[in-house]
């Protein structure tokens, strides 16, 4: 197995390219985290709204049956 000798300029170019890729990945991870938080909040709100929509008529019917006034 042979190893290729690289020049200091090539080493710096490779390091610079690697650093640019690293920064891009960190930036992508940051925006992915923001997106995940937004989607978690949205999904919780959607689940709550779905539960209210499904259970609402039953709760109102039970309240009316027991004579509870909701105003």
PDB file of N, CA and C in Angstrom:
ATOM      1  N   UNK A   1       0.842  -1.171   0.000  1.00  0.00           N
ATOM      2  CA  UNK A   1       0.000   0.000   0.000  1.00  0.00           C
ATOM      3  C   UNK A   1       0.888   1.235   0.000  1.00  0.00           C
ATOM      4  N   UNK A   2       0.613   2.107  -0.903  1.00  0.00           N
ATOM      5  CA  UNK A   2       1.429   3.316  -0.995  1.00  0.00           C
ATOM      6  C   UNK A   2       0.594   4.523  -0.578  1.00  0.00           C
ATOM      7  N   UNK A   3       1.274   5.488  -0.032  1.00  0.00           N
ATOM      8  CA  UNK A   3       0.628   6.723   0.401  1.00  0.00           C
ATOM      9  C   UNK A   3       1.071   7.861  -0.507  1.00  0.00           C
ATOM     10  N   UNK A   4       0.126   8.722  -0.834  1.00  0.00           N
ATOM     11  CA  UNK A   4       0.426   9.850  -1.700  1.00  0.00           C
ATOM     12  C   UNK A   4       0.777  11.049  -0.821  1.00  0.00           C
ATOM     13  N   UNK A   5       1.871  11.670  -1.116  1.00  0.00           N
ATOM     14  CA  UNK A   5       2.273  12.860  -0.376  1.00  0.00           C
ATOM     15  C   UNK A   5       1.526  14.058  -0.943  1.00  0.00           C
ATOM     16  N   UNK A   6       0.944  14.847  -0.044  1.00  0.00           N
ATOM     17  CA  UNK A   6       0.241  16.036  -0.512  1.00  0.00           C
ATOM     18  C   UNK A   6       1.010  17.272  -0.058  1.00  0.00           C
ATOM     19  N   UNK A   7       0.818  18.308  -0.791  1.00  0.00           N
ATOM     20  CA  UNK A   7       1.505  19.560  -0.467  1.00  0.00           C
ATOM     21  C   UNK A   7       0.747  20.284   0.634  1.00  0.00           C
ATOM     22  N   UNK A   8       1.409  21.198   1.330  1.00  0.00           N
ATOM     23  CA  UNK A   8       0.695  21.985   2.349  1.00  0.00           C
ATOM     24  C   UNK A   8      -0.488  22.752   1.769  1.00  0.00           C
ATOM     25  N   UNK A   9      -0.361  23.204   0.525  1.00  0.00           N
ATOM     26  CA  UNK A   9      -1.474  23.926  -0.101  1.00  0.00           C
ATOM     27  C   UNK A   9      -2.677  22.999  -0.310  1.00  0.00           C
ATOM     28  N   UNK A  10      -2.377  21.759  -0.724  1.00  0.00           N
ATOM     29  CA  UNK A  10      -3.461  20.793  -0.923  1.00  0.00           C
ATOM     30  C   UNK A  10      -4.100  20.433   0.415  1.00  0.00           C
ATOM     31  N   UNK A  11      -3.284  20.297   1.449  1.00  0.00           N
ATOM     32  CA  UNK A  11      -3.815  20.013   2.775  1.00  0.00           C
ATOM     33  C   UNK A  11      -4.745  21.129   3.232  1.00  0.00           C
ATOM     34  N   UNK A  12      -4.323  22.384   3.044  1.00  0.00           N
ATOM     35  CA  UNK A  12      -5.161  23.519   3.449  1.00  0.00           C
ATOM     36  C   UNK A  12      -6.443  23.584   2.626  1.00  0.00           C
ATOM     37  N   UNK A  13      -6.349  23.274   1.342  1.00  0.00           N
ATOM     38  CA  UNK A  13      -7.548  23.272   0.497  1.00  0.00           C
ATOM     39  C   UNK A  13      -8.531  22.197   0.960  1.00  0.00           C
ATOM     40  N   UNK A  14      -7.993  21.007   1.273  1.00  0.00           N
ATOM     41  CA  UNK A  14      -8.863  19.929   1.764  1.00  0.00           C
ATOM     42  C   UNK A  14      -9.481  20.294   3.111  1.00  0.00           C
ATOM     43  N   UNK A  15      -8.689  20.888   3.981  1.00  0.00           N
ATOM     44  CA  UNK A  15      -9.205  21.287   5.296  1.00  0.00           C
ATOM     45  C   UNK A  15     -10.276  22.361   5.146  1.00  0.00           C
ATOM     46  N   UNK A  16     -10.073  23.286   4.244  1.00  0.00           N
ATOM     47  CA  UNK A  16     -11.059  24.351   4.005  1.00  0.00           C
ATOM     48  C   UNK A  16     -12.359  23.749   3.471  1.00  0.00           C
ATOM     49  N   UNK A  17     -12.242  22.828   2.522  1.00  0.00           N
ATOM     50  CA  UNK A  17     -13.439  22.182   1.970  1.00  0.00           C
ATOM     51  C   UNK A  17     -14.170  21.395   3.051  1.00  0.00           C
ATOM     52  N   UNK A  18     -13.417  20.682   3.898  1.00  0.00           N
ATOM     53  CA  UNK A  18     -14.031  19.929   4.982  1.00  0.00           C
ATOM     54  C   UNK A  18     -14.737  20.868   5.958  1.00  0.00           C
ATOM     55  N   UNK A  19     -14.123  22.014   6.251  1.00  0.00           N
ATOM     56  CA  UNK A  19     -14.724  22.972   7.178  1.00  0.00           C
ATOM     57  C   UNK A  19     -16.001  23.565   6.598  1.00  0.00           C
ATOM     58  N   UNK A  20     -16.014  23.830   5.308  1.00  0.00           N
ATOM     59  CA  UNK A  20     -17.227  24.349   4.668  1.00  0.00           C
ATOM     60  C   UNK A  20     -18.348  23.318   4.760  1.00  0.00           C
ATOM     61  N   UNK A  21     -18.028  22.048   4.516  1.00  0.00           N
ATOM     62  CA  UNK A  21     -19.034  20.986   4.630  1.00  0.00           C
ATOM     63  C   UNK A  21     -19.515  20.863   6.074  1.00  0.00           C
ATOM     64  N   UNK A  22     -18.588  20.965   7.035  1.00  0.00           N
ATOM     65  CA  UNK A  22     -18.968  20.849   8.450  1.00  0.00           C
ATOM     66  C   UNK A  22     -19.912  21.969   8.847  1.00  0.00           C
ATOM     67  N   UNK A  23     -19.604  23.183   8.412  1.00  0.00           N
ATOM     68  CA  UNK A  23     -20.474  24.317   8.740  1.00  0.00           C
ATOM     69  C   UNK A  23     -21.841  24.164   8.105  1.00  0.00           C
ATOM     70  N   UNK A  24     -21.875  23.676   6.883  1.00  0.00           N
ATOM     71  CA  UNK A  24     -23.156  23.463   6.213  1.00  0.00           C
ATOM     72  C   UNK A  24     -23.989  22.424   6.950  1.00  0.00           C
ATOM     73  N   UNK A  25     -23.339  21.370   7.434  1.00  0.00           N
ATOM     74  CA  UNK A  25     -24.080  20.337   8.165  1.00  0.00           C
ATOM     75  C   UNK A  25     -24.589  20.866   9.504  1.00  0.00           C
ATOM     76  N   UNK A  26     -23.808  21.703  10.162  1.00  0.00           N
ATOM     77  CA  UNK A  26     -24.271  22.295  11.428  1.00  0.00           C
ATOM     78  C   UNK A  26     -25.450  23.220  11.187  1.00  0.00           C
ATOM     79  N   UNK A  27     -25.391  23.988  10.113  1.00  0.00           N
ATOM     80  CA  UNK A  27     -26.493  24.890   9.770  1.00  0.00           C
ATOM     81  C   UNK A  27     -27.746  24.075   9.446  1.00  0.00           C
ATOM     82  N   UNK A  28     -27.584  22.996   8.703  1.00  0.00           N
ATOM     83  CA  UNK A  28     -28.720  22.138   8.369  1.00  0.00           C
ATOM     84  C   UNK A  28     -29.312  21.514   9.624  1.00  0.00           C
ATOM     85  N   UNK A  29     -28.478  21.091  10.554  1.00  0.00           N
ATOM     86  CA  UNK A  29     -28.973  20.496  11.795  1.00  0.00           C
ATOM     87  C   UNK A  29     -29.734  21.527  12.627  1.00  0.00           C
ATOM     88  N   UNK A  30     -29.258  22.761  12.626  1.00  0.00           N
ATOM     89  CA  UNK A  30     -29.941  23.826  13.376  1.00  0.00           C
ATOM     90  C   UNK A  30     -31.339  24.065  12.811  1.00  0.00           C
ATOM     91  N   UNK A  31     -31.443  24.204  11.487  1.00  0.00           N
ATOM     92  CA  UNK A  31     -32.755  24.440  10.897  1.00  0.00           C
ATOM     93  C   UNK A  31     -33.650  23.219  10.999  1.00  0.00           C
ATOM     94  N   UNK A  32     -33.060  22.027  10.983  1.00  0.00           N
ATOM     95  CA  UNK A  32     -33.854  20.820  11.171  1.00  0.00           C
ATOM     96  C   UNK A  32     -34.440  20.784  12.580  1.00  0.00           C
ATOM     97  N   UNK A  33     -33.679  21.220  13.565  1.00  0.00           N
ATOM     98  CA  UNK A  33     -34.189  21.254  14.939  1.00  0.00           C
ATOM     99  C   UNK A  33     -35.345  22.240  15.061  1.00  0.00           C
ATOM    100  N   UNK A  34     -35.227  23.408  14.447  1.00  0.00           N
ATOM    101  CA  UNK A  34     -36.325  24.381  14.474  1.00  0.00           C
ATOM    102  C   UNK A  34     -37.558  23.796  13.792  1.00  0.00           C
ATOM    103  N   UNK A  35     -37.364  23.141  12.647  1.00  0.00           N
ATOM    104  CA  UNK A  35     -38.481  22.535  11.931  1.00  0.00           C
ATOM    105  C   UNK A  35     -39.134  21.442  12.775  1.00  0.00           C
ATOM    106  N   UNK A  36     -38.331  20.630  13.456  1.00  0.00           N
ATOM    107  CA  UNK A  36     -38.885  19.554  14.285  1.00  0.00           C
ATOM    108  C   UNK A  36     -39.702  20.112  15.442  1.00  0.00           C
ATOM    109  N   UNK A  37     -39.237  21.202  16.047  1.00  0.00           N
ATOM    110  CA  UNK A  37     -40.000  21.816  17.136  1.00  0.00           C
ATOM    111  C   UNK A  37     -41.326  22.339  16.605  1.00  0.00           C
ATOM    112  N   UNK A  38     -41.291  23.024  15.457  1.00  0.00           N
ATOM    113  CA  UNK A  38     -42.516  23.540  14.859  1.00  0.00           C
ATOM    114  C   UNK A  38     -43.493  22.407  14.553  1.00  0.00           C
ATOM    115  N   UNK A  39     -42.993  21.320  13.987  1.00  0.00           N
ATOM    116  CA  UNK A  39     -43.867  20.203  13.636  1.00  0.00           C
ATOM    117  C   UNK A  39     -44.427  19.520  14.880  1.00  0.00           C
ATOM    118  N   UNK A  40     -43.648  19.452  15.956  1.00  0.00           N
ATOM    119  CA  UNK A  40     -44.156  18.856  17.192  1.00  0.00           C
ATOM    120  C   UNK A  40     -45.288  19.699  17.764  1.00  0.00           C
ATOM    121  N   UNK A  41     -45.113  21.014  17.791  1.00  0.00           N
ATOM    122  CA  UNK A  41     -46.167  21.895  18.303  1.00  0.00           C
ATOM    123  C   UNK A  41     -47.398  21.795  17.416  1.00  0.00           C
ATOM    124  N   UNK A  42     -47.203  21.805  16.115  1.00  0.00           N
ATOM    125  CA  UNK A  42     -48.329  21.719  15.190  1.00  0.00           C
ATOM    126  C   UNK A  42     -49.081  20.402  15.359  1.00  0.00           C
ATOM    127  N   UNK A  43     -48.351  19.306  15.509  1.00  0.00           N
ATOM    128  CA  UNK A  43     -49.014  18.006  15.640  1.00  0.00           C
ATOM    129  C   UNK A  43     -49.777  17.900  16.957  1.00  0.00           C
ATOM    130  N   UNK A  44     -49.229  18.461  18.029  1.00  0.00           N
ATOM    131  CA  UNK A  44     -49.958  18.448  19.309  1.00  0.00           C
ATOM    132  C   UNK A  44     -51.232  19.278  19.193  1.00  0.00           C
ATOM    133  N   UNK A  45     -51.144  20.449  18.557  1.00  0.00           N
ATOM    134  CA  UNK A  45     -52.340  21.281  18.372  1.00  0.00           C
ATOM    135  C   UNK A  45     -53.362  20.566  17.494  1.00  0.00           C
ATOM    136  N   UNK A  46     -52.903  19.875  16.463  1.00  0.00           N
ATOM    137  CA  UNK A  46     -53.824  19.153  15.586  1.00  0.00           C
ATOM    138  C   UNK A  46     -54.508  18.016  16.332  1.00  0.00           C
ATOM    139  N   UNK A  47     -53.758  17.301  17.152  1.00  0.00           N
ATOM    140  CA  UNK A  47     -54.346  16.207  17.933  1.00  0.00           C
ATOM    141  C   UNK A  47     -55.378  16.766  18.914  1.00  0.00           C
ATOM    142  N   UNK A  48     -55.061  17.873  19.570  1.00  0.00           N
ATOM    143  CA  UNK A  48     -56.013  18.477  20.511  1.00  0.00           C
ATOM    144  C   UNK A  48     -57.275  18.935  19.786  1.00  0.00           C
ATOM    145  N   UNK A  49     -57.109  19.567  18.644  1.00  0.00           N
ATOM    146  CA  UNK A  49     -58.272  20.013  17.876  1.00  0.00           C
ATOM    147  C   UNK A  49     -59.116  18.834  17.412  1.00  0.00           C
ATOM    148  N   UNK A  50     -58.474  17.760  17.015  1.00  0.00           N
ATOM    149  CA  UNK A  50     -59.205  16.559  16.600  1.00  0.00           C
ATOM    150  C   UNK A  50     -59.987  15.972  17.765  1.00  0.00           C
ATOM    151  N   UNK A  51     -59.367  15.923  18.938  1.00  0.00           N
ATOM    152  CA  UNK A  51     -60.058  15.393  20.114  1.00  0.00           C
ATOM    153  C   UNK A  51     -61.273  16.249  20.471  1.00  0.00           C
ATOM    154  N   UNK A  52     -61.109  17.558  20.414  1.00  0.00           N
ATOM    155  CA  UNK A  52     -62.234  18.456  20.720  1.00  0.00           C
ATOM    156  C   UNK A  52     -63.344  18.277  19.700  1.00  0.00           C
ATOM    157  N   UNK A  53     -62.977  18.142  18.439  1.00  0.00           N
ATOM    158  CA  UNK A  53     -63.980  17.974  17.386  1.00  0.00           C
ATOM    159  C   UNK A  53     -64.749  16.672  17.549  1.00  0.00           C
ATOM    160  N   UNK A  54     -64.057  15.625  17.916  1.00  0.00           N
ATOM    161  CA  UNK A  54     -64.718  14.322  18.057  1.00  0.00           C
ATOM    162  C   UNK A  54     -65.520  14.257  19.355  1.00  0.00           C
ATOM    163  N   UNK A  55     -64.948  14.745  20.458  1.00  0.00           N
ATOM    164  CA  UNK A  55     -65.602  14.600  21.756  1.00  0.00           C
ATOM    165  C   UNK A  55     -66.605  15.710  22.048  1.00  0.00           C
ATOM    166  N   UNK A  56     -66.508  16.838  21.323  1.00  0.00           N
ATOM    167  CA  UNK A  56     -67.372  17.985  21.612  1.00  0.00           C
ATOM    168  C   UNK A  56     -68.853  17.686  21.603  1.00  0.00           C
ATOM    169  N   UNK A  57     -69.406  17.098  20.553  1.00  0.00           N
ATOM    170  CA  UNK A  57     -70.848  16.825  20.540  1.00  0.00           C
ATOM    171  C   UNK A  57     -71.294  15.899  21.671  1.00  0.00           C
ATOM    172  N   UNK A  58     -70.458  14.920  22.001  1.00  0.00           N
ATOM    173  CA  UNK A  58     -70.807  14.017  23.106  1.00  0.00           C
ATOM    174  C   UNK A  58     -70.822  14.736  24.439  1.00  0.00           C
ATOM    175  N   UNK A  59     -69.850  15.619  24.652  1.00  0.00           N
ATOM    176  CA  UNK A  59     -69.799  16.379  25.905  1.00  0.00           C
ATOM    177  C   UNK A  59     -70.999  17.312  25.999  1.00  0.00           C
ATOM    178  N   UNK A  60     -71.348  17.966  24.900  1.00  0.00           N
ATOM    179  CA  UNK A  60     -72.512  18.853  24.908  1.00  0.00           C
ATOM    180  C   UNK A  60     -73.799  18.075  25.128  1.00  0.00           C
ATOM    181  N   UNK A  61     -73.902  16.895  24.522  1.00  0.00           N
ATOM    182  CA  UNK A  61     -75.100  16.070  24.720  1.00  0.00           C
ATOM    183  C   UNK A  61     -75.203  15.608  26.168  1.00  0.00           C
ATOM    184  N   UNK A  62     -74.072  15.201  26.769  1.00  0.00           N
ATOM    185  CA  UNK A  62     -74.091  14.767  28.165  1.00  0.00           C
ATOM    186  C   UNK A  62     -74.449  15.936  29.074  1.00  0.00           C
ATOM    187  N   UNK A  63     -73.921  17.114  28.785  1.00  0.00           N
ATOM    188  CA  UNK A  63     -74.239  18.293  29.599  1.00  0.00           C
ATOM    189  C   UNK A  63     -75.714  18.632  29.499  1.00  0.00           C
ATOM    190  N   UNK A  64     -76.254  18.558  28.308  1.00  0.00           N
ATOM    191  CA  UNK A  64     -77.689  18.835  28.138  1.00  0.00           C
ATOM    192  C   UNK A  64     -78.528  17.774  28.849  1.00  0.00           C
ATOM    193  N   UNK A  65     -78.082  16.537  28.805  1.00  0.00           N
ATOM    194  CA  UNK A  65     -78.839  15.454  29.456  1.00  0.00           C
ATOM    195  C   UNK A  65     -78.888  15.660  30.972  1.00  0.00           C
ATOM    196  N   UNK A  66     -77.776  16.095  31.536  1.00  0.00           N
ATOM    197  CA  UNK A  66     -77.733  16.297  32.987  1.00  0.00           C
ATOM    198  C   UNK A  66     -78.204  17.683  33.385  1.00  0.00           C
ATOM    199  N   UNK A  67     -78.626  18.498  32.445  1.00  0.00           N
ATOM    200  CA  UNK A  67     -79.166  19.814  32.749  1.00  0.00           C
ATOM    201  C   UNK A  67     -78.146  20.861  33.078  1.00  0.00           C
ATOM    202  N   UNK A  68     -76.917  20.689  32.616  1.00  0.00           N
ATOM    203  CA  UNK A  68     -75.862  21.655  32.882  1.00  0.00           C
ATOM    204  C   UNK A  68     -75.966  22.753  31.836  1.00  0.00           C
ATOM    205  N   UNK A  69     -76.011  23.990  32.278  1.00  0.00           N
ATOM    206  CA  UNK A  69     -76.026  25.088  31.330  1.00  0.00           C
ATOM    207  C   UNK A  69     -74.598  25.572  31.121  1.00  0.00           C
ATOM    208  N   UNK A  70     -74.266  25.818  29.873  1.00  0.00           N
ATOM    209  CA  UNK A  70     -72.881  26.156  29.527  1.00  0.00           C
ATOM    210  C   UNK A  70     -72.718  27.615  29.148  1.00  0.00           C
ATOM    211  N   UNK A  71     -73.536  28.452  29.687  1.00  0.00           N
ATOM    212  CA  UNK A  71     -73.392  29.892  29.391  1.00  0.00           C
ATOM    213  C   UNK A  71     -73.309  30.703  30.648  1.00  0.00           C
TER     214      UNK A  71
END
